[in-house]
Amino acid sequence: MLYLRQVSSRRQGWGSVLLDRFNRPAQVVVTGFGTVILIGTALLTLPVASASGESAGVVAALFTSTSAVCVTGLLVVDTATHWSVFGELVIAGLIQVGGLGIMTLATLFTVLVVGRVGLRARMALQTETKSLTVPDVRRVVRNVVLFSLACEAVIAVFLTARFVIGYGEPFGRALYLGGFHAVSSFNNAGFALWPDNLMRFVDDAWICLPVALGVIVGGLGFPVVFELARSWRHPRRWSVLTRVTVGASVVLISLATLIFLMTEWRNPRTMGRLDDSGKLLASFFAAVMPRSGGFNTVDIGEMNPSSWLVTEILMFIGGGSASTAGGIKVTTFGLLAFIVWAELRGETKVNVGHRRLAEATQRQAVTLTLMAVALVALGTYLLMVLTPYPLDRVLFEVISAFSTNGLSTGITVDVATPGHVLLVLLMFVGRIGPLTLGSALALKERTRRYELPEERVIIG
C-alpha cells in the first residue's frame, strides 16, 4: 500500500509539472523548437554535411534547419546537389522531429484546453467525441508517434515499389528515396531529392497520389483522423472540429482543382502540354500542396497570376488544427465562415451542426486571423524594402514562409542575406505563432466580476 501511494504521488507530481509547463505554451514551444533548430544548424555547418566537403555556411545551414524543423520547404540551396547523404539524413531527422513535435504539442494543448472547460460541457464533449483527457498524456504521445510512423511506412512502400518497378532504381536507392519523401510528405515539409522537386513526375499517379494523400492525412490533424477512424460511418456524431476540418478541406481542394484546371489548361509552361488525365492529376496535386505540402509538379514561377492568388489564399488558410500543416488553419477559416453566415442571417448565436459555438472561440478565431494578416502585411513590406522584386512575387514568398508551405515563384535564393533572415523569422513565427497564440488564448480566460454599460458602435 505504501508503494502504491508513493507511485500515485509521483504520478501526480509529474502531472502537476506537466500542467504547469503547458500552462505556459510560449515557453515550451519557443524553447523546444529553437533548441532543435540550433542543433540542426550546427550539424549542417559540418563539412561532412555538404556534398563538396566544405562548410555550407551559417546562413544556409540556419535557413535549411529552420525550414526543416518548421516543416516548410523553402530552400536557399538545392537539397539534391548541395547536401551529402549525411546532410540529407539530418534534414529528414529535423523534419521528423519538427512534425512529431508539432502534432504532439498541439494535441496535448487540445487535451489541456478540454480539461479547462466546465465539467458539464466537458462530459458532453467527451461523450460525443470520446476526447482525450489530461491523464491520457502518455497514450496521446504514443499514438501520435505510432500513427505518424505507420503512415510514413505505407507511403514509403508505395514510393519504393514505384521507383524500383517504374524507374529501375536499385532497391537500396529506391528505399532511400521512398523513405525520405514519405517523411517529407506526411509532415507537410515539401523537401525533395531532385533539383526540379517533383516536376519530372507530373503525370505519374503512382508518385503524385501517395505524396498528395500523405499531405492530406498529415494535414488533417491527429484528433480528426482518430475520430474519423472511430465513426466515419456516422457523420452526425462527429465533433465540430471534425465537421469543419473535413468539410472545409473537401470544399477547398475541390474548388481549387477546378480553378487550376481552368486557369492553367492552355498554359504551355505548366499544364498545357499534358493530356486530359495529366492535367486533372496536376491540378489536383496543385490544389492539395498549398495546404502546407510544399511539393510542386509544375513550375510555380510560370503559373498565371490568377493561379498565384488562389495558391496564396490556400496557403494562408493552411491545414487542420493539431496537424503538421501551417497557416491560420482550415478550422479557423471554417469557423469564420459560420460566424459570417450567422451574422448575415441576423442570428445572435453561431451554430455548427448540433452544437453552439462558444463566444470565446469566435473571438480567438478573429484574433488569430487578424494577427496573421498583420504579420503577413509587415513581412511583405519589409521584404519589398530589402529586395527589388514586385509585390506579387514578394507576397507569395511571405505567405509561403508564414504558412510554412514552401512553394516559391523562384526568388528565395536571390533575396540576399537580410531577406533570408527575414524569411527565417517568418517561418519560425508562422510555425509557433498560431499554435502558441491559440493555446494561450484558450488557456487565458478571465471572468469579470462586473459588466460595463453596453453601447452600439456603427460598423461599416
Protein backbone atom coordinates (compact mmCIF):
# COMPACT_ATOMS: atom_id res chain seq x y z
CA MET A 1 0.00 0.00 0.00
CA LEU A 2 2.82 2.38 0.87
CA TYR A 3 4.48 1.67 -2.51
CA LEU A 4 1.23 2.32 -4.37
CA ARG A 5 0.79 5.62 -2.55
CA GLN A 6 4.32 6.63 -3.47
CA VAL A 7 3.76 5.75 -7.14
CA SER A 8 0.45 7.62 -7.16
CA SER A 9 2.05 10.63 -5.53
CA ARG A 10 4.88 10.55 -8.01
CA ARG A 11 2.45 10.42 -10.93
CA GLN A 12 0.50 13.32 -9.51
CA GLY A 13 3.77 15.23 -9.21
CA TRP A 14 4.62 14.54 -12.85
CA GLY A 15 1.11 15.56 -13.84
CA SER A 16 1.33 18.85 -11.94
CA VAL A 17 4.71 19.59 -13.54
CA LEU A 18 3.26 18.81 -16.98
CA LEU A 19 0.25 21.04 -16.42
CA ASP A 20 2.48 23.81 -15.11
CA ARG A 21 4.64 23.61 -18.24
CA PHE A 22 1.72 23.56 -20.66
CA ASN A 23 0.09 26.50 -18.91
CA ARG A 24 2.97 28.47 -20.45
CA PRO A 25 2.83 27.24 -24.07
CA ALA A 26 5.02 30.03 -25.45
CA GLN A 27 7.99 28.93 -23.34
CA VAL A 28 7.57 25.27 -24.23
CA VAL A 29 7.25 25.82 -27.98
CA VAL A 30 9.86 28.54 -28.42
CA THR A 31 12.48 26.78 -26.30
CA GLY A 32 11.90 23.37 -27.86
CA PHE A 33 11.84 24.45 -31.50
CA GLY A 34 14.66 26.95 -31.03
CA THR A 35 16.92 24.31 -29.50
CA VAL A 36 16.28 21.80 -32.29
CA ILE A 37 16.90 24.46 -34.95
CA LEU A 38 20.25 25.39 -33.38
CA ILE A 39 21.29 21.73 -33.19
CA GLY A 40 20.32 21.25 -36.83
CA THR A 41 22.25 24.36 -37.83
CA ALA A 42 25.37 23.10 -36.09
CA LEU A 43 25.13 19.71 -37.82
CA LEU A 44 24.53 21.22 -41.27
CA THR A 45 27.54 23.52 -40.96
CA LEU A 46 29.82 20.50 -40.65
CA PRO A 47 31.87 19.81 -43.81
CA VAL A 48 30.58 16.22 -43.87
CA ALA A 49 27.04 17.54 -44.39
CA SER A 50 27.96 19.17 -47.70
CA ALA A 51 28.46 17.27 -50.95
CA SER A 52 31.54 19.38 -51.71
CA GLY A 53 33.15 18.63 -48.36
CA GLU A 54 33.18 22.31 -47.41
CA SER A 55 31.05 24.01 -44.80
CA ALA A 56 27.72 25.29 -46.14
CA GLY A 57 27.92 28.49 -44.10
CA VAL A 58 25.85 29.60 -41.14
CA VAL A 59 23.10 31.37 -43.11
CA ALA A 60 22.42 28.44 -45.45
CA ALA A 61 22.54 25.96 -42.57
CA LEU A 62 20.27 28.10 -40.37
CA PHE A 63 17.78 28.63 -43.19
CA THR A 64 17.68 24.93 -44.09
CA SER A 65 17.44 23.84 -40.45
CA THR A 66 14.59 26.27 -39.76
CA SER A 67 12.80 25.23 -42.93
CA ALA A 68 13.12 21.54 -41.97
CA VAL A 69 12.13 21.86 -38.30
CA CYS A 70 9.23 24.18 -39.17
CA VAL A 71 8.33 21.70 -41.98
CA THR A 72 8.29 24.48 -44.57
CA GLY A 73 10.40 23.50 -47.58
CA LEU A 74 11.76 26.88 -48.70
CA LEU A 75 15.34 26.49 -49.91
CA VAL A 76 18.41 28.66 -50.44
CA VAL A 77 20.49 25.72 -51.69
CA ASP A 78 19.36 22.71 -53.69
CA THR A 79 18.78 19.73 -51.42
CA ALA A 80 19.63 17.17 -54.08
CA THR A 81 23.01 18.58 -55.11
CA HIS A 82 24.28 20.67 -52.20
CA TRP A 83 23.96 18.24 -49.30
CA SER A 84 25.65 14.89 -48.80
CA VAL A 85 23.81 11.78 -47.66
CA PHE A 86 24.65 12.77 -44.09
CA GLY A 87 23.17 16.23 -44.69
CA GLU A 88 20.03 14.75 -46.23
CA LEU A 89 19.61 12.39 -43.27
CA VAL A 90 19.99 15.34 -40.88
CA ILE A 91 17.27 17.20 -42.82
CA ALA A 92 14.98 14.16 -42.72
CA GLY A 93 15.58 13.84 -38.98
CA LEU A 94 14.79 17.51 -38.42
CA ILE A 95 11.58 17.15 -40.43
CA GLN A 96 10.56 14.14 -38.36
CA VAL A 97 11.31 15.82 -35.05
CA GLY A 98 9.56 19.00 -36.13
CA GLY A 99 6.48 17.19 -37.41
CA LEU A 100 6.12 14.92 -34.38
CA GLY A 101 6.75 17.86 -32.07
CA ILE A 102 4.05 19.93 -33.72
CA MET A 103 1.44 17.17 -33.64
CA THR A 104 2.28 16.13 -30.09
CA LEU A 105 2.32 19.63 -28.62
CA ALA A 106 -0.82 20.68 -30.48
CA THR A 107 -2.69 17.58 -29.35
CA LEU A 108 -1.54 17.98 -25.74
CA PHE A 109 -2.66 21.61 -25.78
CA THR A 110 -6.03 20.41 -27.08
CA VAL A 111 -6.23 17.97 -24.18
CA LEU A 112 -5.42 20.73 -21.72
CA VAL A 113 -7.97 23.12 -23.22
CA VAL A 114 -10.64 20.42 -22.97
CA GLY A 115 -9.69 19.96 -19.35
CA ARG A 116 -10.25 23.67 -18.70
CA VAL A 117 -13.90 23.84 -19.77
CA GLY A 118 -16.71 23.30 -17.30
CA LEU A 119 -17.48 19.82 -16.01
CA ARG A 120 -20.89 19.55 -17.68
CA ALA A 121 -19.59 20.82 -21.02
CA ARG A 122 -16.55 18.55 -20.79
CA MET A 123 -18.68 15.49 -20.11
CA ALA A 124 -20.92 16.30 -23.06
CA LEU A 125 -17.92 16.88 -25.31
CA GLN A 126 -16.20 13.65 -24.31
CA THR A 127 -19.42 11.67 -24.69
CA GLU A 128 -19.83 12.97 -28.22
CA THR A 129 -16.20 12.81 -29.40
CA LYS A 130 -14.54 10.38 -26.95
CA SER A 131 -11.97 13.15 -26.43
CA LEU A 132 -8.77 12.57 -24.55
CA THR A 133 -8.22 13.88 -21.04
CA VAL A 134 -5.19 15.05 -19.15
CA PRO A 135 -4.40 11.62 -17.59
CA ASP A 136 -4.11 10.20 -21.14
CA VAL A 137 -0.96 12.20 -21.95
CA ARG A 138 1.30 9.16 -22.29
CA ARG A 139 -1.21 7.44 -24.58
CA VAL A 140 -1.52 10.62 -26.65
CA VAL A 141 2.22 10.78 -27.30
CA ARG A 142 2.44 7.06 -28.07
CA ASN A 143 -0.49 7.15 -30.50
CA VAL A 144 0.82 10.25 -32.30
CA VAL A 145 4.21 8.62 -32.84
CA LEU A 146 2.81 5.24 -33.92
CA PHE A 147 0.26 6.83 -36.23
CA SER A 148 2.89 9.04 -37.86
CA LEU A 149 5.38 6.21 -38.38
CA ALA A 150 2.68 3.89 -39.74
CA CYS A 151 1.52 6.44 -42.31
CA GLU A 152 5.07 7.15 -43.38
CA ALA A 153 5.78 3.43 -43.74
CA VAL A 154 2.77 2.91 -46.01
CA ILE A 155 3.73 5.86 -48.23
CA ALA A 156 7.34 4.65 -48.34
CA VAL A 157 6.26 1.18 -49.51
CA PHE A 158 4.27 2.59 -52.46
CA LEU A 159 7.00 5.02 -53.48
CA THR A 160 9.78 2.44 -53.14
CA ALA A 161 7.88 -0.05 -55.28
CA ARG A 162 7.28 2.59 -57.94
CA PHE A 163 10.92 3.67 -58.05
CA VAL A 164 12.03 0.03 -58.44
CA ILE A 165 9.39 -1.08 -60.96
CA GLY A 166 8.81 2.10 -62.92
CA TYR A 167 12.23 3.73 -62.92
CA GLY A 168 14.66 0.85 -62.46
CA GLU A 169 16.25 2.21 -59.29
CA PRO A 170 18.27 -0.26 -57.20
CA PHE A 171 16.29 -1.36 -54.16
CA GLY A 172 18.57 0.43 -51.67
CA ARG A 173 18.34 3.74 -53.54
CA ALA A 174 14.58 3.31 -54.07
CA LEU A 175 14.07 2.63 -50.36
CA TYR A 176 16.09 5.74 -49.50
CA LEU A 177 14.07 7.90 -51.91
CA GLY A 178 10.78 6.40 -50.76
CA GLY A 179 11.55 6.83 -47.07
CA PHE A 180 12.78 10.43 -47.42
CA HIS A 181 9.78 11.58 -49.43
CA ALA A 182 7.37 9.68 -47.18
CA VAL A 183 8.68 11.62 -44.17
CA SER A 184 8.64 14.86 -46.12
CA SER A 185 5.10 14.41 -47.46
CA PHE A 186 3.37 13.25 -44.27
CA ASN A 187 4.97 16.07 -42.31
CA ASN A 188 3.99 18.60 -45.00
CA ALA A 189 7.64 19.60 -45.45
CA GLY A 190 8.00 19.77 -49.25
CA PHE A 191 11.68 18.74 -49.38
CA ALA A 192 12.55 16.65 -52.44
CA LEU A 193 15.74 14.99 -53.66
CA TRP A 194 15.56 16.28 -57.24
CA PRO A 195 16.51 19.79 -58.44
CA ASP A 196 13.06 20.24 -60.05
CA ASN A 197 11.24 18.99 -56.92
CA LEU A 198 8.64 16.53 -58.35
CA MET A 199 8.15 18.13 -61.79
CA ARG A 200 9.55 15.08 -63.57
CA PHE A 201 6.65 13.04 -62.11
CA VAL A 202 3.90 15.48 -63.12
CA ASP A 203 1.76 12.80 -64.84
CA ASP A 204 2.81 9.80 -62.72
CA ALA A 205 -0.13 8.98 -60.47
CA TRP A 206 1.87 6.29 -58.61
CA ILE A 207 4.17 9.02 -57.29
CA CYS A 208 1.83 12.01 -57.05
CA LEU A 209 -1.14 10.35 -55.35
CA PRO A 210 0.76 8.74 -52.40
CA VAL A 211 2.55 12.06 -51.80
CA ALA A 212 -0.72 14.03 -52.04
CA LEU A 213 -2.57 11.62 -49.74
CA GLY A 214 0.29 11.82 -47.24
CA VAL A 215 -0.02 15.62 -47.23
CA ILE A 216 -3.80 15.41 -46.78
CA VAL A 217 -3.68 12.91 -43.90
CA GLY A 218 -0.81 14.71 -42.20
CA GLY A 219 -2.70 17.97 -42.61
CA LEU A 220 -5.96 16.76 -41.06
CA GLY A 221 -4.63 16.53 -37.53
CA PHE A 222 -4.39 13.71 -35.02
CA PRO A 223 -7.76 14.30 -33.24
CA VAL A 224 -9.68 14.43 -36.54
CA VAL A 225 -8.04 11.33 -38.02
CA PHE A 226 -8.74 9.21 -34.95
CA GLU A 227 -12.32 10.40 -34.69
CA LEU A 228 -12.84 9.54 -38.36
CA ALA A 229 -11.36 6.09 -37.73
CA ARG A 230 -13.89 5.54 -34.93
CA SER A 231 -17.04 6.92 -36.53
CA TRP A 232 -16.52 7.60 -40.24
CA ARG A 233 -19.85 5.92 -41.00
CA HIS A 234 -21.77 8.28 -38.69
CA PRO A 235 -21.10 11.92 -39.69
CA ARG A 236 -23.89 13.14 -37.41
CA ARG A 237 -21.78 12.04 -34.43
CA TRP A 238 -18.71 14.00 -35.50
CA SER A 239 -17.47 16.82 -33.32
CA VAL A 240 -17.45 20.41 -34.55
CA LEU A 241 -13.68 20.17 -35.11
CA THR A 242 -14.04 17.16 -37.41
CA ARG A 243 -17.06 18.53 -39.26
CA VAL A 244 -15.41 21.84 -40.01
CA THR A 245 -11.99 20.37 -40.86
CA VAL A 246 -13.28 17.68 -43.22
CA GLY A 247 -15.99 19.82 -44.80
CA ALA A 248 -13.77 22.83 -45.44
CA SER A 249 -10.89 20.66 -46.69
CA VAL A 250 -13.09 18.86 -49.24
CA VAL A 251 -14.61 22.13 -50.47
CA LEU A 252 -11.27 23.96 -50.76
CA ILE A 253 -9.45 21.11 -52.55
CA SER A 254 -12.36 20.54 -54.96
CA LEU A 255 -12.75 24.21 -55.84
CA ALA A 256 -9.01 24.73 -56.20
CA THR A 257 -8.73 21.72 -58.55
CA LEU A 258 -11.41 23.16 -60.82
CA ILE A 259 -9.85 26.63 -60.74
CA PHE A 260 -6.38 25.34 -61.64
CA LEU A 261 -7.88 23.27 -64.45
CA MET A 262 -9.48 26.39 -65.92
CA THR A 263 -6.61 28.83 -65.42
CA GLU A 264 -3.73 26.53 -66.42
CA TRP A 265 -5.45 24.34 -69.04
CA ARG A 266 -3.89 26.13 -72.01
CA ASN A 267 -0.73 27.40 -70.32
CA PRO A 268 2.11 25.71 -72.29
CA ARG A 269 4.59 26.43 -69.48
CA THR A 270 2.64 24.43 -66.88
CA MET A 271 -0.21 22.06 -67.83
CA GLY A 272 -0.87 22.90 -71.47
CA ARG A 273 1.43 20.16 -72.75
CA LEU A 274 -0.24 17.39 -70.73
CA ASP A 275 -3.12 15.17 -71.80
CA ASP A 276 -6.51 15.47 -70.09
CA SER A 277 -5.78 12.92 -67.35
CA GLY A 278 -2.39 14.53 -66.73
CA LYS A 279 -3.98 17.96 -66.41
CA LEU A 280 -6.50 16.63 -63.90
CA LEU A 281 -3.75 14.97 -61.83
CA ALA A 282 -1.56 18.08 -61.95
CA SER A 283 -4.49 20.31 -60.95
CA PHE A 284 -5.41 18.06 -58.03
CA PHE A 285 -1.78 17.98 -56.89
CA ALA A 286 -1.52 21.77 -57.17
CA ALA A 287 -4.74 22.11 -55.14
CA VAL A 288 -3.50 19.85 -52.33
CA MET A 289 0.01 21.26 -51.92
CA PRO A 290 -0.98 24.77 -50.70
CA ARG A 291 -2.47 23.11 -47.59
CA SER A 292 1.18 23.17 -46.48
CA GLY A 293 2.62 20.36 -48.59
CA GLY A 294 5.15 22.44 -50.49
CA PHE A 295 5.83 19.99 -53.34
CA ASN A 296 5.25 21.05 -56.94
CA THR A 297 4.89 19.15 -60.21
CA VAL A 298 4.61 22.30 -62.37
CA ASP A 299 6.80 25.39 -62.37
CA ILE A 300 5.18 27.76 -59.86
CA GLY A 301 7.02 30.74 -61.35
CA GLU A 302 5.37 30.09 -64.75
CA MET A 303 1.80 29.87 -63.46
CA ASN A 304 -0.69 32.61 -64.26
CA PRO A 305 -1.01 35.41 -61.65
CA SER A 306 -4.60 34.33 -61.02
CA SER A 307 -3.29 30.90 -60.00
CA TRP A 308 -0.80 32.59 -57.69
CA LEU A 309 -3.65 34.42 -55.98
CA VAL A 310 -5.60 31.20 -55.41
CA THR A 311 -2.46 29.49 -54.12
CA GLU A 312 -1.78 32.37 -51.72
CA ILE A 313 -5.31 32.14 -50.30
CA LEU A 314 -4.99 28.39 -49.82
CA MET A 315 -1.54 28.73 -48.22
CA PHE A 316 -2.80 31.37 -45.80
CA ILE A 317 -5.68 29.09 -44.74
CA GLY A 318 -3.44 26.02 -44.37
CA GLY A 319 -4.47 22.64 -42.97
CA GLY A 320 -6.18 21.23 -39.89
CA SER A 321 -5.58 22.04 -36.25
CA ALA A 322 -3.14 19.80 -34.32
CA SER A 323 -1.57 18.78 -37.63
CA THR A 324 1.77 19.26 -39.36
CA ALA A 325 0.23 21.87 -41.69
CA GLY A 326 0.65 25.61 -41.27
CA GLY A 327 -1.47 28.70 -41.93
CA ILE A 328 -4.27 30.04 -39.76
CA LYS A 329 -5.78 26.50 -40.03
CA VAL A 330 -8.74 25.39 -42.06
CA THR A 331 -10.68 25.04 -38.79
CA THR A 332 -10.29 28.75 -38.10
CA PHE A 333 -11.34 29.59 -41.66
CA GLY A 334 -14.40 27.34 -41.41
CA LEU A 335 -15.47 28.82 -38.09
CA LEU A 336 -15.13 32.34 -39.53
CA ALA A 337 -17.40 31.30 -42.39
CA PHE A 338 -20.04 30.14 -39.90
CA ILE A 339 -19.67 33.37 -37.93
CA VAL A 340 -20.20 35.48 -41.06
CA TRP A 341 -23.18 33.36 -42.14
CA ALA A 342 -24.84 33.70 -38.74
CA GLU A 343 -24.28 37.48 -38.78
CA LEU A 344 -25.73 37.80 -42.30
CA ARG A 345 -28.83 35.92 -41.16
CA GLY A 346 -29.17 38.14 -38.10
CA GLU A 347 -28.71 35.28 -35.64
CA THR A 348 -27.30 36.10 -32.21
CA LYS A 349 -25.72 32.65 -31.78
CA VAL A 350 -23.39 30.70 -34.07
CA ASN A 351 -24.39 27.06 -34.52
CA VAL A 352 -22.29 24.37 -36.17
CA GLY A 353 -24.18 21.12 -36.60
CA HIS A 354 -25.84 20.32 -33.29
CA ARG A 355 -23.53 22.49 -31.20
CA ARG A 356 -23.39 26.21 -30.38
CA LEU A 357 -20.02 27.86 -30.92
CA ALA A 358 -18.67 29.48 -27.77
CA GLU A 359 -18.18 33.24 -27.93
CA ALA A 360 -14.62 32.82 -26.66
CA THR A 361 -13.85 30.57 -29.63
CA GLN A 362 -15.26 33.17 -32.01
CA ARG A 363 -13.03 35.86 -30.52
CA GLN A 364 -9.99 33.60 -30.70
CA ALA A 365 -10.61 32.85 -34.40
CA VAL A 366 -10.93 36.54 -35.26
CA THR A 367 -7.88 37.49 -33.19
CA LEU A 368 -5.67 34.80 -34.70
CA THR A 369 -6.70 35.71 -38.26
CA LEU A 370 -6.20 39.46 -37.86
CA MET A 371 -2.79 38.98 -36.24
CA ALA A 372 -1.78 36.68 -39.11
CA VAL A 373 -2.89 39.30 -41.65
CA ALA A 374 -0.87 41.96 -39.83
CA LEU A 375 2.24 39.75 -39.77
CA VAL A 376 1.97 38.97 -43.49
CA ALA A 377 1.49 42.66 -44.30
CA LEU A 378 4.53 43.66 -42.22
CA GLY A 379 6.66 40.88 -43.70
CA THR A 380 5.66 41.84 -47.24
CA TYR A 381 6.57 45.48 -46.64
CA LEU A 382 9.97 44.61 -45.18
CA LEU A 383 10.85 42.14 -47.94
CA MET A 384 9.88 44.66 -50.61
CA VAL A 385 12.24 47.16 -48.95
CA LEU A 386 15.04 44.57 -48.87
CA THR A 387 14.58 43.19 -52.42
CA PRO A 388 13.87 44.55 -55.93
CA TYR A 389 11.06 42.09 -56.66
CA PRO A 390 7.45 43.12 -57.43
CA LEU A 391 4.57 42.82 -54.97
CA ASP A 392 3.04 39.65 -56.41
CA ARG A 393 6.22 37.59 -56.01
CA VAL A 394 7.13 39.06 -52.63
CA LEU A 395 3.63 38.48 -51.23
CA PHE A 396 3.72 34.88 -52.45
CA GLU A 397 7.08 34.31 -50.74
CA VAL A 398 6.00 35.88 -47.45
CA ILE A 399 2.74 33.92 -47.25
CA SER A 400 4.62 30.73 -48.11
CA ALA A 401 7.10 31.34 -45.29
CA PHE A 402 4.48 32.34 -42.74
CA SER A 403 2.21 29.42 -43.59
CA THR A 404 5.23 27.06 -43.53
CA ASN A 405 4.29 25.93 -47.01
CA GLY A 406 7.48 26.04 -49.06
CA LEU A 407 6.11 26.84 -52.52
CA SER A 408 8.03 29.61 -54.26
CA THR A 409 7.99 31.59 -57.50
CA GLY A 410 11.76 31.19 -57.60
CA ILE A 411 13.10 34.22 -55.75
CA THR A 412 14.12 32.57 -52.46
CA VAL A 413 17.76 32.03 -53.44
CA ASP A 414 18.22 35.61 -54.68
CA VAL A 415 16.79 37.70 -51.83
CA ALA A 416 20.23 38.10 -50.17
CA THR A 417 21.14 37.54 -46.52
CA PRO A 418 18.81 40.16 -44.92
CA GLY A 419 15.90 38.69 -46.85
CA HIS A 420 16.90 35.17 -45.80
CA VAL A 421 16.98 36.22 -42.14
CA LEU A 422 13.52 37.77 -42.50
CA LEU A 423 12.17 34.57 -44.07
CA VAL A 424 13.71 32.53 -41.24
CA LEU A 425 11.88 34.70 -38.70
CA LEU A 426 8.62 34.39 -40.67
CA MET A 427 8.93 30.60 -40.80
CA PHE A 428 9.66 30.39 -37.08
CA VAL A 429 6.88 32.77 -36.04
CA GLY A 430 4.48 31.25 -38.55
CA ARG A 431 5.17 27.78 -37.14
CA ILE A 432 4.96 28.53 -33.44
CA GLY A 433 2.68 31.58 -33.62
CA PRO A 434 -0.75 30.05 -34.35
CA LEU A 435 -0.07 27.08 -32.05
CA THR A 436 1.17 29.25 -29.20
CA LEU A 437 -1.36 32.04 -29.64
CA GLY A 438 -4.32 29.70 -30.00
CA SER A 439 -3.36 27.73 -26.89
CA ALA A 440 -2.55 30.84 -24.89
CA LEU A 441 -5.87 32.48 -25.76
CA ALA A 442 -7.80 29.35 -24.82
CA LEU A 443 -5.95 28.95 -21.53
CA LYS A 444 -6.08 32.59 -20.53
CA GLU A 445 -9.78 33.13 -19.96
CA ARG A 446 -10.72 35.59 -17.22
CA THR A 447 -14.12 36.15 -15.70
CA ARG A 448 -15.07 39.77 -14.93
CA ARG A 449 -16.97 40.38 -11.71
CA TYR A 450 -18.81 43.31 -13.27
CA GLU A 451 -20.20 44.41 -16.65
CA LEU A 452 -19.87 47.87 -18.19
CA PRO A 453 -22.83 49.63 -19.83
CA GLU A 454 -23.37 48.46 -23.41
CA GLU A 455 -23.03 50.85 -26.34
CA ARG A 456 -23.70 50.23 -30.03
CA VAL A 457 -20.98 51.37 -32.45
CA ILE A 458 -21.63 51.99 -36.15
CA ILE A 459 -19.90 49.34 -38.28
CA GLY A 460 -19.17 49.93 -41.95
